[in-house]
């Protein structure tokens, strides 16, 4: 985003999201889950989205996109408020995190050339539908065995 290429930023965002989901898939498949791994995953998510947010803010300032700045501000403030009542690992927290990912990706599309958006939208939809279906099954299984709290925990 800071290099003024929104399409590369959007592709990298999708790659980062896929790698985050793949990391969870592999740790479950290899039975290598741990509390420290979950903590590192959460830290990586925060760092990833902070970097994307900084890039979006830089691009918004450079392009004079007040709307993007307002939405990023709402996301940051909303996340801080929501986390007081809803834990990130809860079902509600996962749903909110999914919505944040969609909004962040949509904000990245603002800075893409119009001819690049259709392919990015198709790729983003495919990635998010596939990963959300997978994450949905994982969450349902964790609910079934009592490993994931519903709203707060």
C-alpha atoms as a PDB file:
ATOM      1  CA  UNK A   1       0.000   0.000   0.000  1.00  0.00           C
ATOM      2  CA  UNK A   2       2.817   2.370   0.792  1.00  0.00           C
ATOM      3  CA  UNK A   3       4.283   1.743  -2.675  1.00  0.00           C
ATOM      4  CA  UNK A   4       0.977   3.005  -4.142  1.00  0.00           C
ATOM      5  CA  UNK A   5      -0.008  -0.328  -5.674  1.00  0.00           C
ATOM      6  CA  UNK A   6      -3.377  -1.318  -4.245  1.00  0.00           C
ATOM      7  CA  UNK A   7      -3.634  -4.515  -6.287  1.00  0.00           C
ATOM      8  CA  UNK A   8      -0.407  -5.924  -4.863  1.00  0.00           C
ATOM      9  CA  UNK A   9      -1.613  -4.968  -1.386  1.00  0.00           C
ATOM     10  CA  UNK A  10      -4.913  -6.810  -1.968  1.00  0.00           C
ATOM     11  CA  UNK A  11      -3.166  -9.915  -3.346  1.00  0.00           C
ATOM     12  CA  UNK A  12      -0.765  -9.933  -0.401  1.00  0.00           C
ATOM     13  CA  UNK A  13      -3.700  -9.568   1.989  1.00  0.00           C
ATOM     14  CA  UNK A  14      -5.357 -12.647   0.463  1.00  0.00           C
ATOM     15  CA  UNK A  15      -2.057 -14.561   0.618  1.00  0.00           C
ATOM     16  CA  UNK A  16      -1.663 -13.596   4.273  1.00  0.00           C
ATOM     17  CA  UNK A  17      -5.189 -14.730   5.046  1.00  0.00           C
ATOM     18  CA  UNK A  18      -4.715 -18.069   3.263  1.00  0.00           C
ATOM     19  CA  UNK A  19      -1.421 -18.648   5.091  1.00  0.00           C
ATOM     20  CA  UNK A  20      -3.122 -17.901   8.434  1.00  0.00           C
ATOM     21  CA  UNK A  21      -5.851 -20.459   7.755  1.00  0.00           C
ATOM     22  CA  UNK A  22      -3.343 -22.984   6.362  1.00  0.00           C
ATOM     23  CA  UNK A  23      -1.230 -22.613   9.503  1.00  0.00           C
ATOM     24  CA  UNK A  24      -4.236 -23.525  11.666  1.00  0.00           C
ATOM     25  CA  UNK A  25      -5.166 -26.392   9.360  1.00  0.00           C
ATOM     26  CA  UNK A  26      -1.653 -27.836   9.494  1.00  0.00           C
ATOM     27  CA  UNK A  27      -1.346 -27.534  13.266  1.00  0.00           C
ATOM     28  CA  UNK A  28      -4.677 -29.361  13.695  1.00  0.00           C
ATOM     29  CA  UNK A  29      -3.840 -32.009  11.086  1.00  0.00           C
ATOM     30  CA  UNK A  30      -0.449 -32.689  12.645  1.00  0.00           C
ATOM     31  CA  UNK A  31      -1.868 -32.566  16.199  1.00  0.00           C
ATOM     32  CA  UNK A  32       0.702 -29.859  16.939  1.00  0.00           C
ATOM     33  CA  UNK A  33      -1.684 -27.400  18.608  1.00  0.00           C
ATOM     34  CA  UNK A  34      -0.417 -25.632  21.705  1.00  0.00           C
ATOM     35  CA  UNK A  35      -1.294 -22.673  23.881  1.00  0.00           C
ATOM     36  CA  UNK A  36       1.911 -20.914  22.849  1.00  0.00           C
ATOM     37  CA  UNK A  37       1.122 -21.558  19.169  1.00  0.00           C
ATOM     38  CA  UNK A  38      -2.355 -20.091  19.617  1.00  0.00           C
ATOM     39  CA  UNK A  39      -0.857 -17.057  21.360  1.00  0.00           C
ATOM     40  CA  UNK A  40       1.693 -16.572  18.566  1.00  0.00           C
ATOM     41  CA  UNK A  41      -1.075 -16.933  15.974  1.00  0.00           C
ATOM     42  CA  UNK A  42      -3.073 -14.207  17.701  1.00  0.00           C
ATOM     43  CA  UNK A  43      -0.009 -11.974  17.863  1.00  0.00           C
ATOM     44  CA  UNK A  44       0.695 -12.560  14.166  1.00  0.00           C
ATOM     45  CA  UNK A  45      -2.917 -11.650  13.327  1.00  0.00           C
ATOM     46  CA  UNK A  46      -2.635  -8.384  15.248  1.00  0.00           C
ATOM     47  CA  UNK A  47       0.709  -7.507  13.617  1.00  0.00           C
ATOM     48  CA  UNK A  48      -0.614  -8.400  10.139  1.00  0.00           C
ATOM     49  CA  UNK A  49      -3.736  -6.276  10.471  1.00  0.00           C
ATOM     50  CA  UNK A  50      -1.820  -3.414  12.090  1.00  0.00           C
ATOM     51  CA  UNK A  51       0.557  -3.374   9.099  1.00  0.00           C
ATOM     52  CA  UNK A  52      -2.374  -3.425   6.678  1.00  0.00           C
ATOM     53  CA  UNK A  53      -4.064  -0.651   8.656  1.00  0.00           C
ATOM     54  CA  UNK A  54      -0.932   1.511   8.539  1.00  0.00           C
ATOM     55  CA  UNK A  55      -0.698   0.927   4.790  1.00  0.00           C
ATOM     56  CA  UNK A  56      -4.347   1.844   4.330  1.00  0.00           C
ATOM     57  CA  UNK A  57      -3.940   5.001   6.404  1.00  0.00           C
ATOM     58  CA  UNK A  58      -0.881   5.993   4.362  1.00  0.00           C
ATOM     59  CA  UNK A  59      -2.695   5.395   1.075  1.00  0.00           C
ATOM     60  CA  UNK A  60      -5.810   7.222   2.307  1.00  0.00           C
ATOM     61  CA  UNK A  61      -3.772  10.260   3.358  1.00  0.00           C
ATOM     62  CA  UNK A  62      -1.846  10.271   0.080  1.00  0.00           C
ATOM     63  CA  UNK A  63      -5.049  10.026  -1.994  1.00  0.00           C
ATOM     64  CA  UNK A  64      -7.183  12.227   0.232  1.00  0.00           C
ATOM     65  CA  UNK A  65      -9.641   9.394   0.958  1.00  0.00           C
ATOM     66  CA  UNK A  66     -11.375  10.645   4.070  1.00  0.00           C
ATOM     67  CA  UNK A  67     -13.936   7.818   3.887  1.00  0.00           C
ATOM     68  CA  UNK A  68     -11.215   5.183   4.185  1.00  0.00           C
ATOM     69  CA  UNK A  69      -9.712   6.987   7.177  1.00  0.00           C
ATOM     70  CA  UNK A  70     -13.121   7.099   8.865  1.00  0.00           C
ATOM     71  CA  UNK A  71     -13.763   3.388   8.268  1.00  0.00           C
ATOM     72  CA  UNK A  72     -10.301   2.409   9.552  1.00  0.00           C
ATOM     73  CA  UNK A  73     -10.903   4.569  12.619  1.00  0.00           C
ATOM     74  CA  UNK A  74     -14.253   2.874  13.217  1.00  0.00           C
ATOM     75  CA  UNK A  75     -12.645  -0.566  12.854  1.00  0.00           C
ATOM     76  CA  UNK A  76      -9.911   0.248  15.362  1.00  0.00           C
ATOM     77  CA  UNK A  77     -12.243   1.874  17.895  1.00  0.00           C
ATOM     78  CA  UNK A  78     -14.893  -0.812  17.422  1.00  0.00           C
ATOM     79  CA  UNK A  79     -12.371  -3.613  17.874  1.00  0.00           C
ATOM     80  CA  UNK A  80     -11.130  -2.112  21.133  1.00  0.00           C
ATOM     81  CA  UNK A  81     -14.676  -1.715  22.453  1.00  0.00           C
ATOM     82  CA  UNK A  82     -15.894  -5.118  21.299  1.00  0.00           C
ATOM     83  CA  UNK A  83     -12.917  -6.957  22.827  1.00  0.00           C
ATOM     84  CA  UNK A  84     -13.975  -5.725  26.261  1.00  0.00           C
ATOM     85  CA  UNK A  85     -17.006  -8.011  26.071  1.00  0.00           C
ATOM     86  CA  UNK A  86     -16.270 -10.589  23.386  1.00  0.00           C
ATOM     87  CA  UNK A  87     -13.136 -12.742  23.327  1.00  0.00           C
ATOM     88  CA  UNK A  88     -11.390 -13.210  19.978  1.00  0.00           C
ATOM     89  CA  UNK A  89     -11.494 -17.028  20.303  1.00  0.00           C
ATOM     90  CA  UNK A  90     -15.224 -17.187  20.993  1.00  0.00           C
ATOM     91  CA  UNK A  91     -17.731 -17.967  18.235  1.00  0.00           C
ATOM     92  CA  UNK A  92     -18.910 -14.349  18.297  1.00  0.00           C
ATOM     93  CA  UNK A  93     -15.272 -13.192  18.165  1.00  0.00           C
ATOM     94  CA  UNK A  94     -14.564 -15.376  15.143  1.00  0.00           C
ATOM     95  CA  UNK A  95     -17.634 -13.976  13.349  1.00  0.00           C
ATOM     96  CA  UNK A  96     -16.575 -10.401  14.098  1.00  0.00           C
ATOM     97  CA  UNK A  97     -13.043 -11.175  12.925  1.00  0.00           C
ATOM     98  CA  UNK A  98     -14.447 -12.517   9.658  1.00  0.00           C
ATOM     99  CA  UNK A  99     -16.399  -9.316   9.097  1.00  0.00           C
ATOM    100  CA  UNK A 100     -13.269  -7.258   9.796  1.00  0.00           C
ATOM    101  CA  UNK A 101     -11.371  -9.251   7.164  1.00  0.00           C
ATOM    102  CA  UNK A 102     -14.052  -8.562   4.576  1.00  0.00           C
ATOM    103  CA  UNK A 103     -14.052  -4.831   5.343  1.00  0.00           C
ATOM    104  CA  UNK A 104     -10.240  -4.617   5.275  1.00  0.00           C
ATOM    105  CA  UNK A 105     -10.151  -6.379   1.903  1.00  0.00           C
ATOM    106  CA  UNK A 106     -12.857  -4.062   0.548  1.00  0.00           C
ATOM    107  CA  UNK A 107     -10.836  -1.047   1.709  1.00  0.00           C
ATOM    108  CA  UNK A 108      -7.800  -2.368  -0.146  1.00  0.00           C
ATOM    109  CA  UNK A 109      -9.890  -2.564  -3.320  1.00  0.00           C
ATOM    110  CA  UNK A 110     -10.510   1.195  -3.110  1.00  0.00           C
ATOM    111  CA  UNK A 111      -6.869   1.747  -4.080  1.00  0.00           C
ATOM    112  CA  UNK A 112      -6.830  -0.715  -7.006  1.00  0.00           C
ATOM    113  CA  UNK A 113      -7.219   0.279 -10.618  1.00  0.00           C
ATOM    114  CA  UNK A 114     -10.767  -0.369 -11.813  1.00  0.00           C
ATOM    115  CA  UNK A 115      -9.606  -2.978 -14.334  1.00  0.00           C
ATOM    116  CA  UNK A 116      -7.917  -4.992 -11.554  1.00  0.00           C
ATOM    117  CA  UNK A 117     -10.917  -5.108  -9.214  1.00  0.00           C
ATOM    118  CA  UNK A 118     -13.059  -7.818 -10.888  1.00  0.00           C
ATOM    119  CA  UNK A 119     -10.366 -10.505 -10.630  1.00  0.00           C
ATOM    120  CA  UNK A 120      -9.490  -9.461  -7.082  1.00  0.00           C
ATOM    121  CA  UNK A 121     -13.150  -9.560  -6.065  1.00  0.00           C
ATOM    122  CA  UNK A 122     -13.552 -13.050  -7.565  1.00  0.00           C
ATOM    123  CA  UNK A 123     -10.373 -14.287  -5.883  1.00  0.00           C
ATOM    124  CA  UNK A 124     -11.361 -12.671  -2.582  1.00  0.00           C
ATOM    125  CA  UNK A 125     -14.817 -14.245  -2.703  1.00  0.00           C
ATOM    126  CA  UNK A 126     -13.367 -17.668  -3.502  1.00  0.00           C
ATOM    127  CA  UNK A 127     -10.771 -17.456  -0.721  1.00  0.00           C
ATOM    128  CA  UNK A 128     -13.238 -16.200   1.852  1.00  0.00           C
ATOM    129  CA  UNK A 129     -16.027 -18.641   1.004  1.00  0.00           C
ATOM    130  CA  UNK A 130     -13.683 -21.643   1.088  1.00  0.00           C
ATOM    131  CA  UNK A 131     -11.907 -20.568   4.267  1.00  0.00           C
ATOM    132  CA  UNK A 132     -15.110 -19.529   6.053  1.00  0.00           C
ATOM    133  CA  UNK A 133     -16.711 -22.893   5.279  1.00  0.00           C
ATOM    134  CA  UNK A 134     -13.622 -24.650   6.637  1.00  0.00           C
ATOM    135  CA  UNK A 135     -13.460 -22.386   9.700  1.00  0.00           C
ATOM    136  CA  UNK A 136     -17.192 -22.933  10.237  1.00  0.00           C
ATOM    137  CA  UNK A 137     -16.719 -26.698  10.403  1.00  0.00           C
ATOM    138  CA  UNK A 138     -13.753 -26.299  12.748  1.00  0.00           C
ATOM    139  CA  UNK A 139     -15.764 -23.972  14.995  1.00  0.00           C
ATOM    140  CA  UNK A 140     -18.759 -26.339  15.046  1.00  0.00           C
ATOM    141  CA  UNK A 141     -16.492 -29.226  16.002  1.00  0.00           C
ATOM    142  CA  UNK A 142     -14.841 -27.163  18.749  1.00  0.00           C
ATOM    143  CA  UNK A 143     -18.289 -26.202  20.057  1.00  0.00           C
ATOM    144  CA  UNK A 144     -19.334 -29.856  20.022  1.00  0.00           C
ATOM    145  CA  UNK A 145     -16.350 -30.946  22.098  1.00  0.00           C
ATOM    146  CA  UNK A 146     -16.451 -27.876  24.361  1.00  0.00           C
ATOM    147  CA  UNK A 147     -13.211 -26.226  23.233  1.00  0.00           C
ATOM    148  CA  UNK A 148     -14.729 -22.957  22.000  1.00  0.00           C
ATOM    149  CA  UNK A 149     -16.944 -20.622  24.034  1.00  0.00           C
ATOM    150  CA  UNK A 150     -19.971 -19.127  22.312  1.00  0.00           C
ATOM    151  CA  UNK A 151     -20.117 -15.417  23.122  1.00  0.00           C
ATOM    152  CA  UNK A 152     -17.516 -14.384  25.659  1.00  0.00           C
ATOM    153  CA  UNK A 153     -14.927 -16.790  27.086  1.00  0.00           C
END
